[in-house]
N, C-alpha and C. Protein backbone atom coordinates (compact mmCIF):
# COMPACT_ATOMS: atom_id res chain seq x y z
N MET A 1 21.33 1.46 -17.30
CA MET A 1 21.05 0.08 -16.92
C MET A 1 19.89 -0.42 -17.77
N GLY A 2 20.09 -1.52 -18.45
CA GLY A 2 19.00 -2.14 -19.20
C GLY A 2 18.27 -3.14 -18.33
N ASN A 3 16.99 -3.28 -18.53
CA ASN A 3 16.25 -4.27 -17.76
C ASN A 3 15.16 -4.85 -18.64
N SER A 4 14.61 -5.95 -18.18
CA SER A 4 13.57 -6.63 -18.96
C SER A 4 12.17 -6.37 -18.42
N ILE A 5 12.03 -5.44 -17.48
CA ILE A 5 10.73 -5.24 -16.85
C ILE A 5 9.99 -3.99 -17.33
N VAL A 6 10.70 -2.90 -17.55
CA VAL A 6 10.08 -1.64 -17.95
C VAL A 6 10.99 -0.93 -18.95
N ASN A 7 10.41 -0.36 -19.98
CA ASN A 7 11.17 0.43 -20.94
C ASN A 7 11.39 1.82 -20.34
N THR A 8 12.57 2.03 -19.76
CA THR A 8 12.83 3.29 -19.08
C THR A 8 12.97 4.45 -20.06
N ARG A 9 13.32 4.18 -21.29
CA ARG A 9 13.34 5.26 -22.29
C ARG A 9 11.92 5.77 -22.51
N ASP A 10 10.97 4.86 -22.50
CA ASP A 10 9.57 5.25 -22.65
C ASP A 10 9.12 6.10 -21.46
N GLN A 11 9.55 5.73 -20.26
CA GLN A 11 9.21 6.52 -19.08
C GLN A 11 9.71 7.96 -19.23
N ARG A 12 10.96 8.08 -19.64
CA ARG A 12 11.54 9.42 -19.79
C ARG A 12 10.87 10.19 -20.93
N PHE A 13 10.49 9.50 -21.98
CA PHE A 13 9.76 10.16 -23.07
C PHE A 13 8.46 10.76 -22.54
N VAL A 14 7.73 9.95 -21.77
CA VAL A 14 6.46 10.44 -21.22
C VAL A 14 6.69 11.63 -20.29
N LEU A 15 7.65 11.50 -19.38
CA LEU A 15 7.90 12.58 -18.42
C LEU A 15 8.41 13.85 -19.08
N TYR A 16 9.40 13.72 -19.95
CA TYR A 16 10.07 14.91 -20.49
C TYR A 16 9.44 15.46 -21.76
N GLU A 17 9.05 14.57 -22.66
CA GLU A 17 8.59 15.04 -23.96
C GLU A 17 7.07 15.12 -24.05
N GLN A 18 6.38 14.19 -23.42
CA GLN A 18 4.93 14.19 -23.55
C GLN A 18 4.27 15.14 -22.55
N ILE A 19 4.58 14.98 -21.25
CA ILE A 19 3.93 15.86 -20.28
C ILE A 19 4.77 17.09 -19.93
N GLY A 20 6.03 17.10 -20.31
CA GLY A 20 6.87 18.28 -20.08
C GLY A 20 7.09 18.59 -18.61
N ILE A 21 7.58 17.61 -17.88
CA ILE A 21 7.75 17.76 -16.44
C ILE A 21 8.69 18.92 -16.08
N ASP A 22 9.55 19.31 -17.00
CA ASP A 22 10.46 20.44 -16.73
C ASP A 22 9.69 21.69 -16.31
N LYS A 23 8.46 21.83 -16.78
CA LYS A 23 7.65 23.00 -16.40
C LYS A 23 7.39 23.03 -14.90
N LEU A 24 7.31 21.86 -14.28
CA LEU A 24 7.10 21.81 -12.84
C LEU A 24 8.26 22.46 -12.08
N PHE A 25 9.46 22.33 -12.62
CA PHE A 25 10.64 22.80 -11.91
C PHE A 25 10.72 24.33 -11.87
N THR A 26 9.83 25.00 -12.59
CA THR A 26 9.78 26.46 -12.55
C THR A 26 8.82 26.96 -11.48
N THR A 27 8.10 26.03 -10.82
CA THR A 27 7.18 26.43 -9.76
C THR A 27 7.89 26.42 -8.41
N ASP A 28 7.37 27.17 -7.47
CA ASP A 28 7.98 27.22 -6.14
C ASP A 28 8.04 25.84 -5.50
N LYS A 29 6.97 25.09 -5.63
CA LYS A 29 6.88 23.78 -4.97
C LYS A 29 7.97 22.81 -5.43
N TYR A 30 8.32 22.85 -6.71
CA TYR A 30 9.28 21.88 -7.25
C TYR A 30 10.57 22.53 -7.76
N SER A 31 10.86 23.74 -7.30
CA SER A 31 12.05 24.45 -7.79
C SER A 31 13.36 23.76 -7.42
N GLY A 32 13.34 22.91 -6.41
CA GLY A 32 14.55 22.19 -6.02
C GLY A 32 14.83 20.95 -6.86
N PHE A 33 13.98 20.67 -7.83
CA PHE A 33 14.14 19.49 -8.67
C PHE A 33 14.64 19.89 -10.05
N SER A 34 15.26 18.94 -10.72
CA SER A 34 15.78 19.15 -12.07
C SER A 34 15.68 17.84 -12.84
N ARG A 35 15.92 17.93 -14.12
CA ARG A 35 15.93 16.74 -14.95
C ARG A 35 17.02 15.77 -14.47
N ASP A 36 18.18 16.30 -14.11
CA ASP A 36 19.26 15.43 -13.61
C ASP A 36 18.84 14.69 -12.34
N MET A 37 18.12 15.38 -11.47
CA MET A 37 17.67 14.74 -10.24
C MET A 37 16.63 13.66 -10.55
N VAL A 38 15.73 13.94 -11.46
CA VAL A 38 14.72 12.96 -11.85
C VAL A 38 15.40 11.74 -12.46
N ASP A 39 16.38 11.96 -13.32
CA ASP A 39 17.12 10.83 -13.90
C ASP A 39 17.79 10.00 -12.82
N MET A 40 18.37 10.65 -11.82
CA MET A 40 19.02 9.94 -10.73
C MET A 40 18.00 9.11 -9.94
N VAL A 41 16.84 9.69 -9.65
CA VAL A 41 15.79 8.97 -8.91
C VAL A 41 15.33 7.75 -9.71
N LEU A 42 15.08 7.94 -11.00
CA LEU A 42 14.62 6.82 -11.84
C LEU A 42 15.69 5.74 -11.96
N THR A 43 16.94 6.14 -12.06
CA THR A 43 18.04 5.16 -12.15
C THR A 43 18.13 4.35 -10.86
N GLU A 44 18.01 5.02 -9.72
CA GLU A 44 18.05 4.31 -8.44
C GLU A 44 16.84 3.40 -8.26
N ALA A 45 15.68 3.85 -8.69
CA ALA A 45 14.48 3.01 -8.61
C ALA A 45 14.63 1.77 -9.48
N GLU A 46 15.17 1.95 -10.67
CA GLU A 46 15.39 0.82 -11.57
C GLU A 46 16.37 -0.17 -10.96
N LYS A 47 17.45 0.36 -10.41
CA LYS A 47 18.47 -0.50 -9.79
C LYS A 47 17.86 -1.30 -8.63
N PHE A 48 17.09 -0.63 -7.79
CA PHE A 48 16.46 -1.32 -6.66
C PHE A 48 15.48 -2.38 -7.15
N ALA A 49 14.69 -2.04 -8.15
CA ALA A 49 13.71 -2.99 -8.68
C ALA A 49 14.38 -4.23 -9.24
N VAL A 50 15.42 -4.03 -10.02
CA VAL A 50 16.09 -5.16 -10.68
C VAL A 50 16.94 -5.97 -9.71
N GLU A 51 17.65 -5.30 -8.81
CA GLU A 51 18.59 -6.01 -7.93
C GLU A 51 17.95 -6.57 -6.66
N MET A 52 16.89 -5.93 -6.15
CA MET A 52 16.30 -6.38 -4.89
C MET A 52 14.92 -7.02 -5.06
N LEU A 53 14.07 -6.38 -5.83
CA LEU A 53 12.68 -6.86 -5.89
C LEU A 53 12.48 -8.01 -6.85
N LEU A 54 13.09 -7.95 -8.01
CA LEU A 54 12.90 -9.01 -9.00
C LEU A 54 13.38 -10.37 -8.49
N PRO A 55 14.58 -10.47 -7.89
CA PRO A 55 15.00 -11.78 -7.36
C PRO A 55 14.07 -12.30 -6.26
N ALA A 56 13.57 -11.41 -5.41
CA ALA A 56 12.67 -11.84 -4.32
C ALA A 56 11.34 -12.35 -4.87
N TYR A 57 10.93 -11.83 -6.01
CA TYR A 57 9.67 -12.29 -6.63
C TYR A 57 9.77 -13.78 -6.95
N ASP A 58 10.83 -14.17 -7.60
CA ASP A 58 11.00 -15.56 -8.00
C ASP A 58 11.11 -16.47 -6.77
N ILE A 59 11.86 -16.04 -5.77
CA ILE A 59 12.03 -16.85 -4.56
C ILE A 59 10.69 -17.00 -3.84
N ALA A 60 9.96 -15.91 -3.66
CA ALA A 60 8.67 -15.98 -2.96
C ALA A 60 7.68 -16.85 -3.72
N ASP A 61 7.74 -16.77 -5.03
CA ASP A 61 6.80 -17.54 -5.85
C ASP A 61 7.08 -19.04 -5.79
N LYS A 62 8.34 -19.41 -5.71
CA LYS A 62 8.70 -20.83 -5.81
C LYS A 62 9.10 -21.49 -4.49
N GLN A 63 9.69 -20.73 -3.55
CA GLN A 63 10.27 -21.36 -2.37
C GLN A 63 9.79 -20.79 -1.04
N ASP A 64 9.33 -19.55 -1.02
CA ASP A 64 9.10 -18.85 0.25
C ASP A 64 7.78 -18.08 0.22
N PRO A 65 6.66 -18.78 0.07
CA PRO A 65 5.38 -18.06 -0.04
C PRO A 65 4.93 -17.49 1.31
N ALA A 66 4.01 -16.57 1.26
CA ALA A 66 3.36 -16.10 2.48
C ALA A 66 2.64 -17.28 3.11
N THR A 67 2.57 -17.30 4.43
CA THR A 67 1.91 -18.41 5.12
C THR A 67 0.91 -17.87 6.14
N PHE A 68 -0.03 -18.72 6.50
CA PHE A 68 -1.01 -18.41 7.53
C PHE A 68 -0.88 -19.50 8.58
N LYS A 69 -0.41 -19.12 9.77
CA LYS A 69 -0.17 -20.11 10.81
C LYS A 69 -0.57 -19.53 12.17
N ASP A 70 -1.30 -20.31 12.93
CA ASP A 70 -1.73 -19.90 14.27
C ASP A 70 -2.45 -18.56 14.26
N GLY A 71 -3.28 -18.35 13.25
CA GLY A 71 -4.05 -17.12 13.17
C GLY A 71 -3.30 -15.90 12.70
N LYS A 72 -2.07 -16.08 12.24
CA LYS A 72 -1.26 -14.95 11.79
C LYS A 72 -0.76 -15.19 10.37
N VAL A 73 -0.74 -14.12 9.61
CA VAL A 73 -0.17 -14.17 8.26
C VAL A 73 1.29 -13.78 8.36
N HIS A 74 2.14 -14.54 7.70
CA HIS A 74 3.57 -14.27 7.69
C HIS A 74 4.00 -14.00 6.25
N ALA A 75 4.56 -12.82 6.04
CA ALA A 75 5.06 -12.46 4.71
C ALA A 75 6.25 -13.34 4.37
N PRO A 76 6.55 -13.50 3.10
CA PRO A 76 7.73 -14.27 2.73
C PRO A 76 8.99 -13.70 3.40
N VAL A 77 9.81 -14.57 3.94
CA VAL A 77 11.05 -14.14 4.59
C VAL A 77 11.93 -13.37 3.60
N CYS A 78 11.89 -13.76 2.35
CA CYS A 78 12.73 -13.11 1.34
C CYS A 78 12.30 -11.67 1.06
N PHE A 79 11.19 -11.22 1.62
CA PHE A 79 10.76 -9.82 1.47
C PHE A 79 11.33 -8.92 2.57
N GLN A 80 11.86 -9.52 3.64
CA GLN A 80 12.29 -8.73 4.79
C GLN A 80 13.43 -7.77 4.47
N GLU A 81 14.47 -8.25 3.86
CA GLU A 81 15.61 -7.37 3.53
C GLU A 81 15.23 -6.32 2.48
N PRO A 82 14.53 -6.69 1.40
CA PRO A 82 14.10 -5.64 0.47
C PRO A 82 13.21 -4.59 1.14
N TYR A 83 12.33 -5.02 2.05
CA TYR A 83 11.46 -4.05 2.73
C TYR A 83 12.28 -3.10 3.59
N ARG A 84 13.24 -3.65 4.33
CA ARG A 84 14.09 -2.81 5.17
C ARG A 84 14.82 -1.77 4.32
N ARG A 85 15.39 -2.22 3.22
CA ARG A 85 16.13 -1.30 2.34
C ARG A 85 15.20 -0.30 1.65
N TYR A 86 14.02 -0.75 1.29
CA TYR A 86 13.02 0.12 0.66
C TYR A 86 12.69 1.27 1.61
N CYS A 87 12.47 0.93 2.88
CA CYS A 87 12.15 1.95 3.88
C CYS A 87 13.34 2.87 4.13
N GLU A 88 14.52 2.31 4.28
CA GLU A 88 15.72 3.12 4.50
C GLU A 88 15.96 4.11 3.37
N ALA A 89 15.66 3.69 2.16
CA ALA A 89 15.87 4.56 1.00
C ALA A 89 14.76 5.60 0.83
N GLY A 90 13.72 5.51 1.64
CA GLY A 90 12.63 6.47 1.56
C GLY A 90 11.65 6.24 0.43
N TRP A 91 11.58 5.00 -0.06
CA TRP A 91 10.71 4.71 -1.20
C TRP A 91 9.23 4.63 -0.83
N ILE A 92 8.87 4.53 0.45
CA ILE A 92 7.44 4.46 0.77
C ILE A 92 6.73 5.72 0.33
N GLY A 93 7.32 6.86 0.60
CA GLY A 93 6.61 8.08 0.26
C GLY A 93 7.48 9.22 -0.21
N PRO A 94 8.25 9.04 -1.27
CA PRO A 94 9.07 10.17 -1.72
C PRO A 94 8.24 11.35 -2.22
N ALA A 95 6.99 11.13 -2.59
CA ALA A 95 6.13 12.23 -3.04
C ALA A 95 5.41 12.89 -1.86
N VAL A 96 5.57 12.33 -0.68
CA VAL A 96 4.97 12.90 0.53
C VAL A 96 5.69 14.22 0.84
N PRO A 97 4.97 15.22 1.33
CA PRO A 97 5.62 16.48 1.68
C PRO A 97 6.77 16.29 2.67
N VAL A 98 7.77 17.13 2.56
CA VAL A 98 8.96 17.04 3.41
C VAL A 98 8.59 17.09 4.89
N GLU A 99 7.63 17.94 5.26
CA GLU A 99 7.26 18.07 6.67
C GLU A 99 6.63 16.80 7.24
N LEU A 100 6.25 15.86 6.38
CA LEU A 100 5.71 14.58 6.83
C LEU A 100 6.72 13.44 6.65
N GLY A 101 7.95 13.78 6.33
CA GLY A 101 9.00 12.77 6.21
C GLY A 101 9.31 12.34 4.80
N GLY A 102 8.63 12.91 3.81
CA GLY A 102 8.91 12.57 2.41
C GLY A 102 9.94 13.50 1.80
N GLN A 103 10.02 13.45 0.49
CA GLN A 103 10.98 14.29 -0.23
C GLN A 103 10.30 15.31 -1.12
N GLY A 104 8.97 15.32 -1.14
CA GLY A 104 8.24 16.27 -1.96
C GLY A 104 8.41 16.03 -3.45
N LEU A 105 8.75 14.81 -3.83
CA LEU A 105 8.96 14.45 -5.24
C LEU A 105 7.67 14.61 -6.03
N PRO A 106 7.74 15.10 -7.26
CA PRO A 106 6.52 15.16 -8.08
C PRO A 106 5.89 13.76 -8.20
N MET A 107 4.59 13.69 -8.06
CA MET A 107 3.88 12.41 -8.10
C MET A 107 4.10 11.69 -9.43
N SER A 108 4.23 12.43 -10.51
CA SER A 108 4.45 11.78 -11.81
C SER A 108 5.77 11.02 -11.83
N VAL A 109 6.78 11.51 -11.14
CA VAL A 109 8.07 10.81 -11.06
C VAL A 109 7.93 9.58 -10.17
N PHE A 110 7.24 9.74 -9.05
CA PHE A 110 7.01 8.59 -8.17
C PHE A 110 6.21 7.52 -8.88
N ALA A 111 5.26 7.91 -9.71
CA ALA A 111 4.47 6.93 -10.47
C ALA A 111 5.37 6.10 -11.37
N ALA A 112 6.38 6.72 -11.96
CA ALA A 112 7.33 5.97 -12.79
C ALA A 112 8.13 5.00 -11.94
N CYS A 113 8.50 5.41 -10.72
CA CYS A 113 9.20 4.51 -9.81
C CYS A 113 8.30 3.32 -9.44
N LEU A 114 7.04 3.62 -9.15
CA LEU A 114 6.10 2.55 -8.80
C LEU A 114 5.89 1.58 -9.95
N GLU A 115 5.95 2.08 -11.18
CA GLU A 115 5.86 1.18 -12.33
C GLU A 115 7.01 0.18 -12.31
N LEU A 116 8.21 0.65 -12.02
CA LEU A 116 9.37 -0.23 -11.93
C LEU A 116 9.21 -1.24 -10.80
N PHE A 117 8.83 -0.75 -9.62
CA PHE A 117 8.70 -1.64 -8.47
C PHE A 117 7.61 -2.68 -8.69
N GLY A 118 6.48 -2.26 -9.20
CA GLY A 118 5.38 -3.18 -9.45
C GLY A 118 5.70 -4.20 -10.52
N ALA A 119 6.39 -3.76 -11.57
CA ALA A 119 6.76 -4.69 -12.64
C ALA A 119 7.74 -5.74 -12.13
N ALA A 120 8.60 -5.35 -11.20
CA ALA A 120 9.59 -6.28 -10.66
C ALA A 120 8.98 -7.25 -9.66
N ASN A 121 8.02 -6.77 -8.85
CA ASN A 121 7.49 -7.63 -7.79
C ASN A 121 6.22 -7.00 -7.21
N TYR A 122 5.12 -7.23 -7.89
CA TYR A 122 3.87 -6.61 -7.45
C TYR A 122 3.42 -7.15 -6.10
N ALA A 123 3.70 -8.39 -5.81
CA ALA A 123 3.31 -8.96 -4.51
C ALA A 123 4.00 -8.19 -3.38
N PHE A 124 5.29 -7.94 -3.53
CA PHE A 124 6.03 -7.15 -2.53
C PHE A 124 5.46 -5.74 -2.44
N GLN A 125 5.19 -5.15 -3.58
CA GLN A 125 4.78 -3.75 -3.64
C GLN A 125 3.48 -3.48 -2.90
N MET A 126 2.68 -4.51 -2.67
CA MET A 126 1.44 -4.32 -1.93
C MET A 126 1.72 -3.89 -0.48
N TYR A 127 2.80 -4.36 0.12
CA TYR A 127 3.10 -4.02 1.51
C TYR A 127 3.34 -2.52 1.67
N PRO A 128 4.33 -1.94 1.02
CA PRO A 128 4.51 -0.49 1.18
C PRO A 128 3.42 0.33 0.51
N GLY A 129 2.84 -0.20 -0.56
CA GLY A 129 1.81 0.55 -1.27
C GLY A 129 0.56 0.76 -0.43
N LEU A 130 0.12 -0.28 0.25
CA LEU A 130 -1.06 -0.15 1.11
C LEU A 130 -0.74 0.69 2.34
N THR A 131 0.49 0.60 2.83
CA THR A 131 0.90 1.45 3.94
C THR A 131 0.83 2.92 3.53
N LEU A 132 1.34 3.23 2.34
CA LEU A 132 1.30 4.61 1.84
C LEU A 132 -0.14 5.10 1.74
N GLY A 133 -1.03 4.27 1.23
CA GLY A 133 -2.43 4.67 1.11
C GLY A 133 -3.06 4.96 2.45
N ALA A 134 -2.84 4.08 3.42
CA ALA A 134 -3.41 4.28 4.75
C ALA A 134 -2.81 5.51 5.43
N ALA A 135 -1.50 5.67 5.33
CA ALA A 135 -0.84 6.83 5.94
C ALA A 135 -1.31 8.13 5.29
N SER A 136 -1.50 8.12 4.00
CA SER A 136 -1.97 9.32 3.30
C SER A 136 -3.37 9.71 3.74
N MET A 137 -4.22 8.71 3.97
CA MET A 137 -5.58 8.99 4.48
C MET A 137 -5.51 9.65 5.85
N ILE A 138 -4.65 9.13 6.71
CA ILE A 138 -4.50 9.71 8.05
C ILE A 138 -3.93 11.13 7.94
N ALA A 139 -2.92 11.31 7.09
CA ALA A 139 -2.31 12.64 6.93
C ALA A 139 -3.30 13.66 6.38
N THR A 140 -4.20 13.22 5.53
CA THR A 140 -5.17 14.12 4.90
C THR A 140 -6.38 14.39 5.79
N HIS A 141 -6.86 13.36 6.48
CA HIS A 141 -8.12 13.49 7.22
C HIS A 141 -7.99 13.35 8.73
N GLY A 142 -6.82 12.99 9.22
CA GLY A 142 -6.64 12.80 10.65
C GLY A 142 -6.37 14.08 11.39
N THR A 143 -6.42 13.98 12.69
CA THR A 143 -6.07 15.12 13.55
C THR A 143 -4.54 15.26 13.55
N PRO A 144 -4.03 16.41 13.96
CA PRO A 144 -2.57 16.54 14.06
C PRO A 144 -1.96 15.47 14.97
N GLU A 145 -2.68 15.11 16.01
CA GLU A 145 -2.18 14.07 16.92
C GLU A 145 -2.11 12.71 16.22
N GLN A 146 -3.12 12.39 15.43
CA GLN A 146 -3.12 11.12 14.69
C GLN A 146 -2.00 11.10 13.64
N VAL A 147 -1.78 12.22 12.99
CA VAL A 147 -0.70 12.29 12.00
C VAL A 147 0.63 12.02 12.69
N GLN A 148 0.87 12.66 13.83
CA GLN A 148 2.12 12.46 14.57
C GLN A 148 2.25 11.03 15.07
N LYS A 149 1.17 10.48 15.60
CA LYS A 149 1.22 9.15 16.21
C LYS A 149 1.32 8.03 15.18
N TYR A 150 0.58 8.16 14.07
CA TYR A 150 0.49 7.05 13.11
C TYR A 150 1.17 7.33 11.77
N ALA A 151 0.76 8.40 11.11
CA ALA A 151 1.20 8.62 9.73
C ALA A 151 2.71 8.73 9.59
N LEU A 152 3.35 9.48 10.48
CA LEU A 152 4.80 9.65 10.36
C LEU A 152 5.54 8.31 10.47
N LYS A 153 5.08 7.45 11.37
CA LYS A 153 5.72 6.14 11.53
C LYS A 153 5.43 5.24 10.33
N MET A 154 4.30 5.46 9.69
CA MET A 154 3.96 4.67 8.50
C MET A 154 4.74 5.16 7.29
N PHE A 155 4.86 6.48 7.13
CA PHE A 155 5.64 7.01 6.01
C PHE A 155 7.10 6.59 6.09
N SER A 156 7.61 6.40 7.31
CA SER A 156 9.01 5.99 7.46
C SER A 156 9.19 4.48 7.28
N GLY A 157 8.09 3.73 7.37
CA GLY A 157 8.18 2.28 7.27
C GLY A 157 8.32 1.59 8.61
N GLU A 158 8.42 2.37 9.70
CA GLU A 158 8.51 1.77 11.03
C GLU A 158 7.24 0.97 11.32
N TRP A 159 6.10 1.52 10.94
CA TRP A 159 4.82 0.83 11.06
C TRP A 159 4.28 0.60 9.66
N SER A 160 3.41 -0.38 9.53
CA SER A 160 2.76 -0.61 8.25
C SER A 160 1.25 -0.47 8.45
N GLY A 161 0.54 -0.47 7.36
CA GLY A 161 -0.91 -0.33 7.43
C GLY A 161 -1.54 -0.90 6.19
N THR A 162 -2.84 -0.96 6.21
CA THR A 162 -3.57 -1.47 5.06
C THR A 162 -4.93 -0.82 5.01
N MET A 163 -5.63 -1.06 3.96
CA MET A 163 -7.01 -0.63 3.84
C MET A 163 -7.82 -1.87 3.54
N CYS A 164 -8.85 -2.08 4.31
CA CYS A 164 -9.72 -3.24 4.10
C CYS A 164 -10.99 -2.73 3.43
N LEU A 165 -11.19 -3.10 2.20
CA LEU A 165 -12.28 -2.55 1.40
C LEU A 165 -13.28 -3.62 0.97
N THR A 166 -13.54 -4.55 1.83
CA THR A 166 -14.49 -5.60 1.48
C THR A 166 -15.37 -5.91 2.68
N GLU A 167 -16.56 -6.35 2.41
CA GLU A 167 -17.45 -6.80 3.48
C GLU A 167 -18.48 -7.74 2.88
N PRO A 168 -19.11 -8.56 3.72
CA PRO A 168 -20.11 -9.49 3.20
C PRO A 168 -21.19 -8.75 2.42
N GLY A 169 -21.54 -9.28 1.28
CA GLY A 169 -22.58 -8.68 0.46
C GLY A 169 -22.11 -7.57 -0.45
N ALA A 170 -20.87 -7.10 -0.26
CA ALA A 170 -20.37 -6.00 -1.09
C ALA A 170 -19.12 -6.41 -1.86
N GLY A 171 -18.37 -7.37 -1.34
CA GLY A 171 -17.12 -7.74 -2.01
C GLY A 171 -16.21 -6.54 -2.10
N SER A 172 -15.70 -6.26 -3.28
CA SER A 172 -14.81 -5.12 -3.44
C SER A 172 -15.55 -3.88 -3.97
N ASP A 173 -16.88 -3.93 -4.00
CA ASP A 173 -17.69 -2.78 -4.42
C ASP A 173 -17.83 -1.84 -3.22
N VAL A 174 -16.89 -0.91 -3.10
CA VAL A 174 -16.85 -0.03 -1.94
C VAL A 174 -18.15 0.73 -1.76
N GLY A 175 -18.79 1.10 -2.84
CA GLY A 175 -20.05 1.83 -2.76
C GLY A 175 -21.18 1.05 -2.12
N ALA A 176 -21.08 -0.27 -2.12
CA ALA A 176 -22.13 -1.10 -1.53
C ALA A 176 -21.84 -1.43 -0.06
N SER A 177 -20.75 -0.92 0.47
CA SER A 177 -20.39 -1.19 1.86
C SER A 177 -21.38 -0.57 2.81
N ARG A 178 -21.63 -1.25 3.90
CA ARG A 178 -22.55 -0.75 4.92
C ARG A 178 -21.88 -0.77 6.29
N THR A 179 -20.59 -0.61 6.32
CA THR A 179 -19.86 -0.59 7.57
C THR A 179 -20.12 0.73 8.29
N SER A 180 -20.22 0.65 9.62
CA SER A 180 -20.40 1.87 10.40
C SER A 180 -19.43 1.85 11.58
N ALA A 181 -19.09 3.03 12.04
CA ALA A 181 -18.18 3.16 13.18
C ALA A 181 -18.88 3.97 14.26
N ARG A 182 -18.72 3.52 15.51
CA ARG A 182 -19.31 4.21 16.65
C ARG A 182 -18.18 4.56 17.61
N LYS A 183 -18.07 5.85 17.94
CA LYS A 183 -17.01 6.29 18.84
C LYS A 183 -17.28 5.81 20.26
N LEU A 184 -16.27 5.26 20.89
CA LEU A 184 -16.36 4.75 22.26
C LEU A 184 -15.85 5.81 23.23
N PRO A 185 -16.20 5.68 24.51
CA PRO A 185 -15.78 6.68 25.50
C PRO A 185 -14.27 6.88 25.59
N ASP A 186 -13.49 5.85 25.29
CA ASP A 186 -12.03 5.98 25.38
C ASP A 186 -11.40 6.61 24.13
N GLY A 187 -12.24 7.02 23.17
CA GLY A 187 -11.73 7.67 21.96
C GLY A 187 -11.49 6.72 20.80
N THR A 188 -11.58 5.41 21.03
CA THR A 188 -11.45 4.45 19.94
C THR A 188 -12.82 4.25 19.30
N TYR A 189 -12.87 3.41 18.29
CA TYR A 189 -14.12 3.18 17.57
C TYR A 189 -14.48 1.70 17.55
N SER A 190 -15.77 1.42 17.60
CA SER A 190 -16.28 0.08 17.41
C SER A 190 -16.80 0.03 15.97
N ILE A 191 -16.25 -0.86 15.18
CA ILE A 191 -16.61 -0.94 13.77
C ILE A 191 -17.51 -2.14 13.54
N THR A 192 -18.63 -1.92 12.88
CA THR A 192 -19.60 -2.97 12.59
C THR A 192 -19.81 -3.05 11.09
N GLY A 193 -19.83 -4.27 10.59
CA GLY A 193 -20.10 -4.44 9.16
C GLY A 193 -18.98 -5.13 8.45
């Protein structure tokens, strides 16, 4: 499939010839993967990007923007079907370990998929991308109960999440943040800053 968003031959050159991803397939962790499987994943990612995400980008940009009404932000309606299909196809976290609902895909292959998705519709990609980041933080640093309650539902796309990395006086300079959290008796946190 040819497309106007990403040079997929270049992606394969980087994966196969430059970094030699085939070496990963000789390890226990990635022994279930092959070049044919990687090609299939990249082909499906390209197809999804071109057929679902790229058309929604143009519609959202010109006819169906995100809105803020009655204190709530509403994503473009034209993102709903692509998001549903994105989640059904497991694109939120294919590099997530199998035991957490992912496919254990090598991150370098997922990065190539993300290049396709972002090139087709970066505005859309923020929704699942931020969810993946938040879920990964919970999976890495949360308790087993938090992983079960939150991360698994986020990796599946049933729930979404975000990371808020700004505060007055710091902007997007995370190092200048002065936010603090205080644990409350009910186990939740009061966040200040």
